[in-house]
Structures are given as structure tokens and as C-alpha cells.
PDB file of N, CA and C in Angstrom:
ATOM      1  N   MET A   1     -16.203  -0.302  -0.120  1.00  0.00           N
ATOM      2  CA  MET A   1     -15.223  -1.274  -0.335  1.00  0.00           C
ATOM      3  C   MET A   1     -14.762  -2.002   0.999  1.00  0.00           C
ATOM      4  N   LYS A   2     -14.847  -3.102   1.231  1.00  0.00           N
ATOM      5  CA  LYS A   2     -14.340  -3.888   2.443  1.00  0.00           C
ATOM      6  C   LYS A   2     -12.768  -4.125   2.400  1.00  0.00           C
ATOM      7  N   ILE A   3     -12.275  -4.119   3.352  1.00  0.00           N
ATOM      8  CA  ILE A   3     -10.852  -4.672   3.520  1.00  0.00           C
ATOM      9  C   ILE A   3     -10.557  -5.487   4.411  1.00  0.00           C
ATOM     10  N   THR A   4      -9.947  -6.641   3.749  1.00  0.00           N
ATOM     11  CA  THR A   4      -9.813  -7.764   4.798  1.00  0.00           C
ATOM     12  C   THR A   4      -8.469  -7.369   5.528  1.00  0.00           C
ATOM     13  N   LYS A   5      -8.173  -8.312   6.683  1.00  0.00           N
ATOM     14  CA  LYS A   5      -6.974  -8.285   7.553  1.00  0.00           C
ATOM     15  C   LYS A   5      -5.910  -8.471   6.687  1.00  0.00           C
ATOM     16  N   ARG A   6      -5.916  -9.411   5.727  1.00  0.00           N
ATOM     17  CA  ARG A   6      -4.679  -9.787   4.818  1.00  0.00           C
ATOM     18  C   ARG A   6      -4.525  -8.563   3.945  1.00  0.00           C
ATOM     19  N   GLN A   7      -5.567  -7.765   3.285  1.00  0.00           N
ATOM     20  CA  GLN A   7      -5.288  -6.693   2.413  1.00  0.00           C
ATOM     21  C   GLN A   7      -4.586  -5.431   3.312  1.00  0.00           C
ATOM     22  N   LEU A   8      -5.271  -5.332   4.551  1.00  0.00           N
ATOM     23  CA  LEU A   8      -4.441  -4.231   5.402  1.00  0.00           C
ATOM     24  C   LEU A   8      -3.125  -4.476   5.668  1.00  0.00           C
ATOM     25  N   ARG A   9      -2.860  -5.804   6.054  1.00  0.00           N
ATOM     26  CA  ARG A   9      -1.389  -6.232   6.145  1.00  0.00           C
ATOM     27  C   ARG A   9      -0.602  -5.880   4.793  1.00  0.00           C
ATOM     28  N   ARG A  10      -1.073  -6.280   3.679  1.00  0.00           N
ATOM     29  CA  ARG A  10      -0.535  -5.906   2.562  1.00  0.00           C
ATOM     30  C   ARG A  10      -0.284  -4.561   2.232  1.00  0.00           C
ATOM     31  N   ILE A  11      -1.266  -3.644   2.580  1.00  0.00           N
ATOM     32  CA  ILE A  11      -1.067  -2.127   2.408  1.00  0.00           C
ATOM     33  C   ILE A  11       0.045  -1.801   3.462  1.00  0.00           C
ATOM     34  N   ILE A  12      -0.068  -2.142   4.778  1.00  0.00           N
ATOM     35  CA  ILE A  12       0.960  -1.688   5.575  1.00  0.00           C
ATOM     36  C   ILE A  12       2.320  -2.118   5.238  1.00  0.00           C
ATOM     37  N   LYS A  13       2.378  -3.544   4.765  1.00  0.00           N
ATOM     38  CA  LYS A  13       3.759  -4.036   4.097  1.00  0.00           C
ATOM     39  C   LYS A  13       4.353  -3.192   3.158  1.00  0.00           C
ATOM     40  N   GLU A  14       3.451  -2.795   2.037  1.00  0.00           N
ATOM     41  CA  GLU A  14       3.733  -1.876   1.012  1.00  0.00           C
ATOM     42  C   GLU A  14       4.181  -0.551   1.404  1.00  0.00           C
ATOM     43  N   GLU A  15       3.536  -0.038   2.450  1.00  0.00           N
ATOM     44  CA  GLU A  15       4.068   1.317   2.985  1.00  0.00           C
ATOM     45  C   GLU A  15       5.331   1.175   3.510  1.00  0.00           C
ATOM     46  N   MET A  16       5.551   0.123   4.409  1.00  0.00           N
ATOM     47  CA  MET A  16       7.040   0.016   4.725  1.00  0.00           C
ATOM     48  C   MET A  16       7.925  -0.134   3.727  1.00  0.00           C
ATOM     49  N   ASP A  17       7.578  -1.044   2.694  1.00  0.00           N
ATOM     50  CA  ASP A  17       8.551  -1.109   1.511  1.00  0.00           C
ATOM     51  C   ASP A  17       8.741   0.264   0.865  1.00  0.00           C
ATOM     52  N   ILE A  18       7.737   1.103   0.921  1.00  0.00           N
ATOM     53  CA  ILE A  18       7.952   2.355   0.261  1.00  0.00           C
ATOM     54  C   ILE A  18       9.029   3.183   1.078  1.00  0.00           C
ATOM     55  N   GLU A  19       8.758   3.158   2.435  1.00  0.00           N
ATOM     56  CA  GLU A  19       9.708   3.876   3.255  1.00  0.00           C
ATOM     57  C   GLU A  19      11.051   3.277   3.244  1.00  0.00           C
ATOM     58  N   ASP A  20      11.300   1.970   3.227  1.00  0.00           N
ATOM     59  CA  ASP A  20      12.638   1.350   2.853  1.00  0.00           C
ATOM     60  C   ASP A  20      13.198   1.948   1.734  1.00  0.00           C
ATOM     61  N   GLN A  21      12.267   1.794   0.671  1.00  0.00           N
ATOM     62  CA  GLN A  21      13.060   2.255  -0.668  1.00  0.00           C
ATOM     63  C   GLN A  21      13.491   3.635  -0.588  1.00  0.00           C
ATOM     64  N   ARG A  22      12.732   4.682   0.207  1.00  0.00           N
ATOM     65  CA  ARG A  22      13.037   6.029   0.392  1.00  0.00           C
ATOM     66  C   ARG A  22      14.567   6.046   1.095  1.00  0.00           C
ATOM     67  N   ALA A  23      14.596   5.011   2.122  1.00  0.00           N
ATOM     68  CA  ALA A  23      15.892   5.020   2.893  1.00  0.00           C
ATOM     69  C   ALA A  23      16.968   4.434   1.982  1.00  0.00           C
ATOM     70  N   MET A  24      16.778   3.452   1.112  1.00  0.00           N
ATOM     71  CA  MET A  24      17.842   2.974   0.309  1.00  0.00           C
ATOM     72  C   MET A  24      18.298   3.966  -0.690  1.00  0.00           C
ATOM     73  N   ASP A  25      17.039   4.864  -1.194  1.00  0.00           N
ATOM     74  CA  ASP A  25      17.581   5.889  -2.051  1.00  0.00           C
ATOM     75  C   ASP A  25      18.451   6.957  -1.353  1.00  0.00           C
ATOM     76  N   MET A  26      18.286   7.134  -0.149  1.00  0.00           N
ATOM     77  CA  MET A  26      18.998   8.029   0.512  1.00  0.00           C
ATOM     78  C   MET A  26      20.416   7.541   1.015  1.00  0.00           C
ATOM     79  N   GLY A  27      20.436   6.142   0.678  1.00  0.00           N
ATOM     80  CA  GLY A  27      21.811   5.508   1.158  1.00  0.00           C
ATOM     81  C   GLY A  27      21.717   4.928   2.802  1.00  0.00           C
ATOM     82  N   ILE A  28      20.515   5.018   3.429  1.00  0.00           N
ATOM     83  CA  ILE A  28      20.607   4.612   4.710  1.00  0.00           C
ATOM     84  C   ILE A  28      20.507   3.084   4.956  1.00  0.00           C
ATOM     85  N   ILE A  29      19.556   2.447   3.884  1.00  0.00           N
ATOM     86  CA  ILE A  29      19.352   0.947   3.981  1.00  0.00           C
ATOM     87  C   ILE A  29      19.924   0.522   2.780  1.00  0.00           C
ATOM     88  N   ASN A  30      20.457  -0.623   2.711  1.00  0.00           N
ATOM     89  CA  ASN A  30      20.917  -1.404   1.586  1.00  0.00           C
ATOM     90  C   ASN A  30      20.772  -2.859   1.771  1.00  0.00           C
ATOM     91  N   TYR A  31      19.976  -3.545   0.852  1.00  0.00           N
ATOM     92  CA  TYR A  31      19.789  -4.826   0.968  1.00  0.00           C
ATOM     93  C   TYR A  31      20.856  -5.638   0.121  1.00  0.00           C
ATOM     94  N   PRO A  32      21.640  -6.413   0.652  1.00  0.00           N
ATOM     95  CA  PRO A  32      22.829  -7.022   0.005  1.00  0.00           C
ATOM     96  C   PRO A  32      22.470  -7.904  -1.274  1.00  0.00           C
ATOM     97  N   ASP A  33      21.187  -8.456  -1.125  1.00  0.00           N
ATOM     98  CA  ASP A  33      20.902  -9.504  -2.203  1.00  0.00           C
ATOM     99  C   ASP A  33      20.037  -8.898  -3.206  1.00  0.00           C
ATOM    100  N   GLY A  34      19.578  -7.746  -3.010  1.00  0.00           N
ATOM    101  CA  GLY A  34      18.871  -6.942  -3.898  1.00  0.00           C
ATOM    102  C   GLY A  34      17.270  -7.411  -3.934  1.00  0.00           C
ATOM    103  N   THR A  35      16.989  -8.208  -3.072  1.00  0.00           N
ATOM    104  CA  THR A  35      15.554  -8.738  -2.942  1.00  0.00           C
ATOM    105  C   THR A  35      14.826  -7.706  -2.132  1.00  0.00           C
ATOM    106  N   ASN A  36      13.337  -7.828  -2.307  1.00  0.00           N
ATOM    107  CA  ASN A  36      12.406  -6.921  -1.637  1.00  0.00           C
ATOM    108  C   ASN A  36      11.356  -7.972  -1.024  1.00  0.00           C
ATOM    109  N   ALA A  37      11.122  -7.634   0.326  1.00  0.00           N
ATOM    110  CA  ALA A  37      10.187  -8.457   1.015  1.00  0.00           C
ATOM    111  C   ALA A  37       8.672  -8.450   0.532  1.00  0.00           C
ATOM    112  N   GLY A  38       8.441  -7.599  -0.246  1.00  0.00           N
ATOM    113  CA  GLY A  38       7.203  -7.383  -0.939  1.00  0.00           C
ATOM    114  C   GLY A  38       6.807  -8.083  -2.094  1.00  0.00           C
ATOM    115  N   ASP A  39       7.867  -8.834  -2.780  1.00  0.00           N
ATOM    116  CA  ASP A  39       7.737  -9.531  -4.106  1.00  0.00           C
ATOM    117  C   ASP A  39       6.687 -10.606  -3.983  1.00  0.00           C
ATOM    118  N   ASP A  40       6.308 -11.068  -2.857  1.00  0.00           N
ATOM    119  CA  ASP A  40       5.367 -12.172  -2.947  1.00  0.00           C
ATOM    120  C   ASP A  40       4.072 -11.841  -2.262  1.00  0.00           C
ATOM    121  N   LEU A  41       3.695 -10.714  -2.489  1.00  0.00           N
ATOM    122  CA  LEU A  41       2.380 -10.009  -1.966  1.00  0.00           C
ATOM    123  C   LEU A  41       1.122 -10.584  -2.857  1.00  0.00           C
ATOM    124  N   TYR A  42       1.359 -10.729  -4.158  1.00  0.00           N
ATOM    125  CA  TYR A  42       0.110 -10.992  -4.709  1.00  0.00           C
ATOM    126  C   TYR A  42      -0.198 -12.652  -5.049  1.00  0.00           C
ATOM    127  N   THR A  43      -0.020 -13.393  -4.238  1.00  0.00           N
ATOM    128  CA  THR A  43      -0.125 -14.776  -4.309  1.00  0.00           C
ATOM    129  C   THR A  43      -1.536 -15.132  -4.257  1.00  0.00           C
ATOM    130  N   ASN A  44      -2.157 -16.155  -4.920  1.00  0.00           N
ATOM    131  CA  ASN A  44      -3.364 -16.600  -4.820  1.00  0.00           C
ATOM    132  C   ASN A  44      -4.389 -15.550  -5.019  1.00  0.00           C
ATOM    133  N   LEU A  45      -4.360 -14.695  -5.744  1.00  0.00           N
ATOM    134  CA  LEU A  45      -5.279 -13.512  -6.091  1.00  0.00           C
ATOM    135  C   LEU A  45      -5.882 -13.810  -7.526  1.00  0.00           C
ATOM    136  N   SER A  46      -7.045 -13.409  -7.761  1.00  0.00           N
ATOM    137  CA  SER A  46      -7.582 -13.498  -9.106  1.00  0.00           C
ATOM    138  C   SER A  46      -7.009 -12.293  -9.959  1.00  0.00           C
ATOM    139  N   ASP A  47      -7.069 -12.313 -11.323  1.00  0.00           N
ATOM    140  CA  ASP A  47      -6.456 -11.279 -12.040  1.00  0.00           C
ATOM    141  C   ASP A  47      -7.154 -10.014 -11.841  1.00  0.00           C
ATOM    142  N   ASP A  48      -8.423 -10.012 -11.497  1.00  0.00           N
ATOM    143  CA  ASP A  48      -9.031  -8.533 -11.032  1.00  0.00           C
ATOM    144  C   ASP A  48      -8.535  -8.119  -9.923  1.00  0.00           C
ATOM    145  N   GLN A  49      -8.325  -8.915  -8.918  1.00  0.00           N
ATOM    146  CA  GLN A  49      -7.722  -8.600  -7.535  1.00  0.00           C
ATOM    147  C   GLN A  49      -6.250  -7.969  -7.840  1.00  0.00           C
ATOM    148  N   SER A  50      -5.642  -8.730  -8.595  1.00  0.00           N
ATOM    149  CA  SER A  50      -4.261  -8.193  -8.605  1.00  0.00           C
ATOM    150  C   SER A  50      -4.041  -6.801  -9.401  1.00  0.00           C
ATOM    151  N   VAL A  51      -5.016  -6.702 -10.369  1.00  0.00           N
ATOM    152  CA  VAL A  51      -5.063  -5.351 -11.050  1.00  0.00           C
ATOM    153  C   VAL A  51      -5.441  -4.290 -10.035  1.00  0.00           C
ATOM    154  N   ALA A  52      -6.524  -4.554  -9.319  1.00  0.00           N
ATOM    155  CA  ALA A  52      -7.207  -3.797  -8.340  1.00  0.00           C
ATOM    156  C   ALA A  52      -6.000  -3.237  -7.293  1.00  0.00           C
ATOM    157  N   LEU A  53      -5.255  -4.154  -6.829  1.00  0.00           N
ATOM    158  CA  LEU A  53      -4.230  -4.022  -5.804  1.00  0.00           C
ATOM    159  C   LEU A  53      -3.089  -3.074  -6.445  1.00  0.00           C
ATOM    160  N   ASP A  54      -2.662  -3.408  -7.774  1.00  0.00           N
ATOM    161  CA  ASP A  54      -1.615  -2.696  -8.494  1.00  0.00           C
ATOM    162  C   ASP A  54      -2.189  -1.202  -8.704  1.00  0.00           C
ATOM    163  N   GLU A  55      -3.463  -1.002  -8.867  1.00  0.00           N
ATOM    164  CA  GLU A  55      -3.957   0.355  -9.162  1.00  0.00           C
ATOM    165  C   GLU A  55      -3.848   1.063  -7.688  1.00  0.00           C
ATOM    166  N   LEU A  56      -4.287   0.329  -6.671  1.00  0.00           N
ATOM    167  CA  LEU A  56      -4.300   1.158  -5.216  1.00  0.00           C
ATOM    168  C   LEU A  56      -2.659   1.319  -5.162  1.00  0.00           C
ATOM    169  N   GLU A  57      -1.784   0.491  -5.220  1.00  0.00           N
ATOM    170  CA  GLU A  57      -0.561   0.838  -4.910  1.00  0.00           C
ATOM    171  C   GLU A  57       0.005   2.068  -5.747  1.00  0.00           C
ATOM    172  N   ASN A  58      -0.359   2.134  -7.034  1.00  0.00           N
ATOM    173  CA  ASN A  58       0.155   3.227  -7.788  1.00  0.00           C
ATOM    174  C   ASN A  58      -0.541   4.596  -7.307  1.00  0.00           C
ATOM    175  N   ALA A  59      -1.840   4.297  -6.913  1.00  0.00           N
ATOM    176  CA  ALA A  59      -2.462   5.473  -6.338  1.00  0.00           C
ATOM    177  C   ALA A  59      -1.611   6.100  -5.141  1.00  0.00           C
ATOM    178  N   LEU A  60      -1.422   5.158  -4.289  1.00  0.00           N
ATOM    179  CA  LEU A  60      -0.555   5.463  -3.024  1.00  0.00           C
ATOM    180  C   LEU A  60       0.721   6.181  -3.370  1.00  0.00           C
ATOM    181  N   VAL A  61       1.438   5.553  -4.354  1.00  0.00           N
ATOM    182  CA  VAL A  61       2.640   6.153  -4.775  1.00  0.00           C
ATOM    183  C   VAL A  61       2.551   7.541  -5.332  1.00  0.00           C
ATOM    184  N   MET A  62       1.392   7.803  -6.065  1.00  0.00           N
ATOM    185  CA  MET A  62       1.101   9.156  -6.568  1.00  0.00           C
ATOM    186  C   MET A  62       0.816  10.110  -5.492  1.00  0.00           C
ATOM    187  N   CYS A  63       0.100   9.672  -4.487  1.00  0.00           N
ATOM    188  CA  CYS A  63      -0.188  10.546  -3.367  1.00  0.00           C
ATOM    189  C   CYS A  63       1.059  10.953  -2.638  1.00  0.00           C
ATOM    190  N   LEU A  64       1.852   9.964  -2.396  1.00  0.00           N
ATOM    191  CA  LEU A  64       3.223  10.131  -1.701  1.00  0.00           C
ATOM    192  C   LEU A  64       4.075  11.209  -2.442  1.00  0.00           C
ATOM    193  N   LYS A  65       4.176  10.910  -3.861  1.00  0.00           N
ATOM    194  CA  LYS A  65       4.949  11.942  -4.682  1.00  0.00           C
ATOM    195  C   LYS A  65       4.363  13.311  -4.695  1.00  0.00           C
ATOM    196  N   ALA A  66       3.011  13.413  -4.410  1.00  0.00           N
ATOM    197  CA  ALA A  66       2.289  14.723  -4.486  1.00  0.00           C
ATOM    198  C   ALA A  66       2.649  15.437  -3.071  1.00  0.00           C
ATOM    199  N   GLY A  67       3.197  14.835  -2.187  1.00  0.00           N
ATOM    200  CA  GLY A  67       3.600  15.178  -0.901  1.00  0.00           C
ATOM    201  C   GLY A  67       2.325  15.117   0.114  1.00  0.00           C
ATOM    202  N   ILE A  68       1.429  14.217  -0.156  1.00  0.00           N
ATOM    203  CA  ILE A  68       0.399  13.846   0.761  1.00  0.00           C
ATOM    204  C   ILE A  68       0.811  12.972   1.950  1.00  0.00           C
ATOM    205  N   SER A  69       0.542  13.414   3.131  1.00  0.00           N
ATOM    206  CA  SER A  69       1.181  12.802   4.240  1.00  0.00           C
ATOM    207  C   SER A  69       0.682  11.272   4.578  1.00  0.00           C
ATOM    208  N   ASP A  70       1.294  10.491   5.249  1.00  0.00           N
ATOM    209  CA  ASP A  70       0.847   9.134   5.509  1.00  0.00           C
ATOM    210  C   ASP A  70      -0.490   9.322   6.285  1.00  0.00           C
ATOM    211  N   ALA A  71      -0.586  10.183   7.105  1.00  0.00           N
ATOM    212  CA  ALA A  71      -1.708  10.427   8.035  1.00  0.00           C
ATOM    213  C   ALA A  71      -2.993  10.733   7.267  1.00  0.00           C
ATOM    214  N   GLU A  72      -2.801  11.617   6.147  1.00  0.00           N
ATOM    215  CA  GLU A  72      -3.770  12.140   5.247  1.00  0.00           C
ATOM    216  C   GLU A  72      -4.274  10.788   4.435  1.00  0.00           C
ATOM    217  N   ILE A  73      -3.392  10.020   3.964  1.00  0.00           N
ATOM    218  CA  ILE A  73      -3.776   8.946   3.295  1.00  0.00           C
ATOM    219  C   ILE A  73      -4.481   7.862   4.006  1.00  0.00           C
ATOM    220  N   ASN A  74      -4.061   7.718   5.297  1.00  0.00           N
ATOM    221  CA  ASN A  74      -4.623   6.782   6.254  1.00  0.00           C
ATOM    222  C   ASN A  74      -6.044   7.222   6.510  1.00  0.00           C
ATOM    223  N   ASP A  75      -6.172   8.507   6.785  1.00  0.00           N
ATOM    224  CA  ASP A  75      -7.573   9.180   7.009  1.00  0.00           C
ATOM    225  C   ASP A  75      -8.559   8.973   6.027  1.00  0.00           C
ATOM    226  N   THR A  76      -8.052   9.197   4.760  1.00  0.00           N
ATOM    227  CA  THR A  76      -9.019   8.826   3.559  1.00  0.00           C
ATOM    228  C   THR A  76      -9.328   7.375   3.492  1.00  0.00           C
ATOM    229  N   VAL A  77      -8.530   6.475   3.604  1.00  0.00           N
ATOM    230  CA  VAL A  77      -8.684   5.142   3.496  1.00  0.00           C
ATOM    231  C   VAL A  77      -9.624   4.823   4.729  1.00  0.00           C
ATOM    232  N   GLU A  78      -9.476   5.157   5.690  1.00  0.00           N
ATOM    233  CA  GLU A  78     -10.319   4.792   6.913  1.00  0.00           C
ATOM    234  C   GLU A  78     -11.843   5.273   6.727  1.00  0.00           C
ATOM    235  N   SER A  79     -11.844   6.498   6.409  1.00  0.00           N
ATOM    236  CA  SER A  79     -13.056   7.275   6.275  1.00  0.00           C
ATOM    237  C   SER A  79     -13.977   6.434   5.010  1.00  0.00           C
ATOM    238  N   ASN A  80     -13.221   6.127   4.141  1.00  0.00           N
ATOM    239  CA  ASN A  80     -13.902   5.394   2.969  1.00  0.00           C
ATOM    240  C   ASN A  80     -14.331   4.188   3.423  1.00  0.00           C
ATOM    241  N   LEU A  81     -13.595   3.319   4.270  1.00  0.00           N
ATOM    242  CA  LEU A  81     -13.792   2.040   4.707  1.00  0.00           C
ATOM    243  C   LEU A  81     -15.007   1.991   5.849  1.00  0.00           C
ATOM    244  N   ILE A  82     -15.107   3.155   6.586  1.00  0.00           N
ATOM    245  CA  ILE A  82     -16.048   3.383   7.486  1.00  0.00           C
ATOM    246  C   ILE A  82     -17.469   3.552   6.831  1.00  0.00           C
ATOM    247  N   ALA A  83     -17.407   4.659   5.825  1.00  0.00           N
ATOM    248  CA  ALA A  83     -18.561   4.903   5.035  1.00  0.00           C
ATOM    249  C   ALA A  83     -19.146   3.730   4.386  1.00  0.00           C
ATOM    250  N   ARG A  84     -18.199   2.923   3.912  1.00  0.00           N
ATOM    251  CA  ARG A  84     -18.614   1.602   3.188  1.00  0.00           C
ATOM    252  C   ARG A  84     -19.502   0.771   4.090  1.00  0.00           C
ATOM    253  N   LYS A  85     -18.715   0.549   5.356  1.00  0.00           N
ATOM    254  CA  LYS A  85     -19.505  -0.286   6.342  1.00  0.00           C
ATOM    255  C   LYS A  85     -20.796   0.321   6.770  1.00  0.00           C
ATOM    256  N   LEU A  86     -21.007   1.696   6.750  1.00  0.00           N
ATOM    257  CA  LEU A  86     -22.235   2.228   7.091  1.00  0.00           C
ATOM    258  C   LEU A  86     -23.344   2.287   5.920  1.00  0.00           C
ATOM    259  N   GLY A  87     -22.841   1.900   4.666  1.00  0.00           N
ATOM    260  CA  GLY A  87     -23.670   1.874   3.459  1.00  0.00           C
ATOM    261  C   GLY A  87     -23.814   3.154   2.910  1.00  0.00           C
ATOM    262  N   LYS A  88     -22.830   3.870   3.093  1.00  0.00           N
ATOM    263  CA  LYS A  88     -22.878   5.187   2.483  1.00  0.00           C
ATOM    264  C   LYS A  88     -22.148   5.399   0.961  1.00  0.00           C
ATOM    265  N   ARG A  89     -21.692   4.242   0.641  1.00  0.00           N
ATOM    266  CA  ARG A  89     -20.936   4.187  -0.674  1.00  0.00           C
ATOM    267  C   ARG A  89     -21.217   2.986  -1.482  1.00  0.00           C
TER     268      ARG A  89
END
């Protein structure tokens, strides 16, 4: 699986949004207008791409809820991307 710079930016943005949501849940950050900066992430994508990204987002949320650290998630993603580039997957 290849990842584009845009997809990487989206993943980073989503992770930042998750961290912001955690902070909001703890009462540390409060957006006055109730908007989320990640609302426009899925523009100009095919249906298959949107579904795939939604599934990736859900998998990330599940990992975080299970207590998997950000570093472990990043290592897994990076190793899969490297393996893909080397033709091992």
C-alpha cells in the first residue's frame, strides 16, 4: 500500500484531531463554534477511497482505545509502507 503526501498529511491531521478531541473531553480545549478542522478531509475522493480512509480512521480509533501507543501505530504503518515499497506485500 502506497501512501501519498496528501494521505500522510490527512493521517497526521486526523491524529491531531483525535488528540484535540481528547483534550476537549478533558475540558482543556473548547472550540467555541463547534466546528472541527478535519471536516473537509475527504474532498475530491472516489467512493472507494473515502470508504478505505474511513476504515483506516476506524482502525486507528480502535487501536487508540485499546491502549496502543502512537509510536506503535506509527511503527506499524511505516513498516507496512516500507514492506510495500520493497515488494514484500
